[in-house]
Structure formats: structure tokens, C-alpha cells
């Protein structure tokens, strides 16, 4: 499980990205790169990192479900994810 501070940092980055999205888009279309450089660094969406919604694990992330591979496997085996069942043949 990820540290709470890392999860909080990602949430803070996401809020900054949302807050400055319109302003960033406007500056990009105008070609004002000096104005872009004056925005906070964490307002750039490139700095976001996908994390598991439950555990905060940064690696092994599955975009379709928003979970890490480990959490996905546990939940799928327990039948907690609709439409997913373990393959057997």
C-alpha cells in the first residue's frame, strides 16, 4: 500500500491540473510559452501518474478498471467486478 502522503500528492496535482486546464489551453493556442512557464509545474497533466484507486500502487495499473493488477485479481476472484470471471478450460 502506498504512503498516504503520495496519494495526497497525486490528488493535489490532479486539482491543480483541473484548475489551470482552461488557462493552459488558452496560452498554448496563443503560443505564449513564457506565460506557460509561469504556471505551477504541477499544473501540467504530464506530471500526473496513474495509481490504484484502492491501494495507491503506481505500478501494474489497469486503466480500464482503475486498479492495480493485484487488487484487480483479488476483486475478480471474489466476484466483486461485474462481468469479469476467471477463465478456465
C-alpha atoms as a PDB file:
ATOM      1  CA  UNK A   1       0.000   0.000   0.000  1.00  0.00           C
ATOM      2  CA  UNK A   2       1.302   3.439  -0.925  1.00  0.00           C
ATOM      3  CA  UNK A   3       2.046   6.073   1.665  1.00  0.00           C
ATOM      4  CA  UNK A   4      -0.828   8.418   2.384  1.00  0.00           C
ATOM      5  CA  UNK A   5       1.410  11.378   1.521  1.00  0.00           C
ATOM      6  CA  UNK A   6       1.965  10.023  -2.002  1.00  0.00           C
ATOM      7  CA  UNK A   7      -1.763   9.547  -2.540  1.00  0.00           C
ATOM      8  CA  UNK A   8      -2.428  13.066  -1.229  1.00  0.00           C
ATOM      9  CA  UNK A   9       0.243  14.500  -3.516  1.00  0.00           C
ATOM     10  CA  UNK A  10      -1.393  12.916  -6.566  1.00  0.00           C
ATOM     11  CA  UNK A  11      -4.794  14.310  -5.558  1.00  0.00           C
ATOM     12  CA  UNK A  12      -3.249  17.762  -5.129  1.00  0.00           C
ATOM     13  CA  UNK A  13      -1.664  17.528  -8.597  1.00  0.00           C
ATOM     14  CA  UNK A  14      -4.997  16.496 -10.127  1.00  0.00           C
ATOM     15  CA  UNK A  15      -6.713  19.521  -8.580  1.00  0.00           C
ATOM     16  CA  UNK A  16      -4.040  21.845  -9.989  1.00  0.00           C
ATOM     17  CA  UNK A  17      -4.365  20.288 -13.449  1.00  0.00           C
ATOM     18  CA  UNK A  18      -8.134  20.802 -13.369  1.00  0.00           C
ATOM     19  CA  UNK A  19      -7.788  24.361 -12.070  1.00  0.00           C
ATOM     20  CA  UNK A  20      -5.342  25.515 -14.757  1.00  0.00           C
ATOM     21  CA  UNK A  21      -6.596  23.434 -17.722  1.00  0.00           C
ATOM     22  CA  UNK A  22      -8.505  26.262 -19.427  1.00  0.00           C
ATOM     23  CA  UNK A  23      -5.754  28.811 -18.859  1.00  0.00           C
ATOM     24  CA  UNK A  24      -3.107  26.376 -20.105  1.00  0.00           C
ATOM     25  CA  UNK A  25      -5.113  25.636 -23.265  1.00  0.00           C
ATOM     26  CA  UNK A  26      -5.587  29.366 -23.962  1.00  0.00           C
ATOM     27  CA  UNK A  27      -1.868  30.081 -23.559  1.00  0.00           C
ATOM     28  CA  UNK A  28      -0.990  27.157 -25.829  1.00  0.00           C
ATOM     29  CA  UNK A  29      -3.243  28.352 -28.652  1.00  0.00           C
ATOM     30  CA  UNK A  30      -1.756  31.859 -28.381  1.00  0.00           C
ATOM     31  CA  UNK A  31       1.767  30.436 -28.418  1.00  0.00           C
ATOM     32  CA  UNK A  32       2.642  32.239 -25.181  1.00  0.00           C
ATOM     33  CA  UNK A  33       5.341  29.924 -23.849  1.00  0.00           C
ATOM     34  CA  UNK A  34       6.584  32.493 -21.340  1.00  0.00           C
ATOM     35  CA  UNK A  35       3.103  32.555 -19.809  1.00  0.00           C
ATOM     36  CA  UNK A  36       3.038  28.755 -19.764  1.00  0.00           C
ATOM     37  CA  UNK A  37       6.365  28.645 -17.943  1.00  0.00           C
ATOM     38  CA  UNK A  38       4.947  30.907 -15.222  1.00  0.00           C
ATOM     39  CA  UNK A  39       2.196  28.427 -14.353  1.00  0.00           C
ATOM     40  CA  UNK A  40       2.852  25.984 -11.499  1.00  0.00           C
ATOM     41  CA  UNK A  41       4.802  22.913 -12.608  1.00  0.00           C
ATOM     42  CA  UNK A  42       2.291  20.534 -11.105  1.00  0.00           C
ATOM     43  CA  UNK A  43      -0.468  22.048 -13.237  1.00  0.00           C
ATOM     44  CA  UNK A  44       0.960  20.179 -16.228  1.00  0.00           C
ATOM     45  CA  UNK A  45      -1.001  16.952 -16.878  1.00  0.00           C
ATOM     46  CA  UNK A  46       2.223  15.166 -17.838  1.00  0.00           C
ATOM     47  CA  UNK A  47       3.219  15.145 -14.167  1.00  0.00           C
ATOM     48  CA  UNK A  48       0.205  13.020 -13.177  1.00  0.00           C
ATOM     49  CA  UNK A  49       0.789   9.341 -12.506  1.00  0.00           C
ATOM     50  CA  UNK A  50      -1.861   6.645 -12.631  1.00  0.00           C
ATOM     51  CA  UNK A  51      -2.405   4.989  -9.273  1.00  0.00           C
ATOM     52  CA  UNK A  52      -4.696   2.250  -7.994  1.00  0.00           C
ATOM     53  CA  UNK A  53      -7.857   3.791  -6.554  1.00  0.00           C
ATOM     54  CA  UNK A  54      -7.835   1.494  -3.522  1.00  0.00           C
ATOM     55  CA  UNK A  55      -4.194   0.907  -2.616  1.00  0.00           C
ATOM     56  CA  UNK A  56      -2.381   3.748  -4.390  1.00  0.00           C
ATOM     57  CA  UNK A  57       0.052   1.344  -6.069  1.00  0.00           C
ATOM     58  CA  UNK A  58       1.742   3.125  -9.014  1.00  0.00           C
ATOM     59  CA  UNK A  59       2.903   0.058 -10.939  1.00  0.00           C
ATOM     60  CA  UNK A  60       0.800  -2.593 -12.655  1.00  0.00           C
ATOM     61  CA  UNK A  61      -2.085  -0.161 -13.206  1.00  0.00           C
ATOM     62  CA  UNK A  62      -5.009  -1.247 -15.391  1.00  0.00           C
ATOM     63  CA  UNK A  63      -6.663   1.811 -16.969  1.00  0.00           C
ATOM     64  CA  UNK A  64      -9.934   0.103 -17.800  1.00  0.00           C
ATOM     65  CA  UNK A  65     -10.638  -0.598 -14.132  1.00  0.00           C
ATOM     66  CA  UNK A  66      -8.521   1.995 -12.307  1.00  0.00           C
ATOM     67  CA  UNK A  67      -6.941  -0.739 -10.201  1.00  0.00           C
ATOM     68  CA  UNK A  68      -3.558  -2.361  -9.869  1.00  0.00           C
ATOM     69  CA  UNK A  69      -3.138  -5.902 -11.175  1.00  0.00           C
ATOM     70  CA  UNK A  70      -3.007  -7.331  -7.651  1.00  0.00           C
ATOM     71  CA  UNK A  71      -6.181  -5.601  -6.448  1.00  0.00           C
ATOM     72  CA  UNK A  72      -7.908  -6.483  -9.720  1.00  0.00           C
ATOM     73  CA  UNK A  73      -7.063 -10.158  -9.309  1.00  0.00           C
ATOM     74  CA  UNK A  74      -8.295 -10.254  -5.709  1.00  0.00           C
ATOM     75  CA  UNK A  75     -11.560  -8.494  -6.567  1.00  0.00           C
ATOM     76  CA  UNK A  76     -12.159 -10.568  -9.710  1.00  0.00           C
ATOM     77  CA  UNK A  77     -11.611 -13.815  -7.804  1.00  0.00           C
ATOM     78  CA  UNK A  78     -14.062 -12.677  -5.151  1.00  0.00           C
ATOM     79  CA  UNK A  79     -16.608 -11.772  -7.856  1.00  0.00           C
ATOM     80  CA  UNK A  80     -16.665  -8.082  -6.972  1.00  0.00           C
ATOM     81  CA  UNK A  81     -16.154  -6.814 -10.538  1.00  0.00           C
ATOM     82  CA  UNK A  82     -19.259  -7.189 -12.721  1.00  0.00           C
ATOM     83  CA  UNK A  83     -18.735  -9.062 -15.979  1.00  0.00           C
ATOM     84  CA  UNK A  84     -15.349 -10.497 -15.010  1.00  0.00           C
ATOM     85  CA  UNK A  85     -14.843 -14.148 -14.239  1.00  0.00           C
ATOM     86  CA  UNK A  86     -11.807 -16.353 -14.040  1.00  0.00           C
ATOM     87  CA  UNK A  87     -11.042 -18.182 -17.248  1.00  0.00           C
ATOM     88  CA  UNK A  88     -10.873 -21.967 -17.092  1.00  0.00           C
ATOM     89  CA  UNK A  89     -10.700 -24.510 -19.874  1.00  0.00           C
END
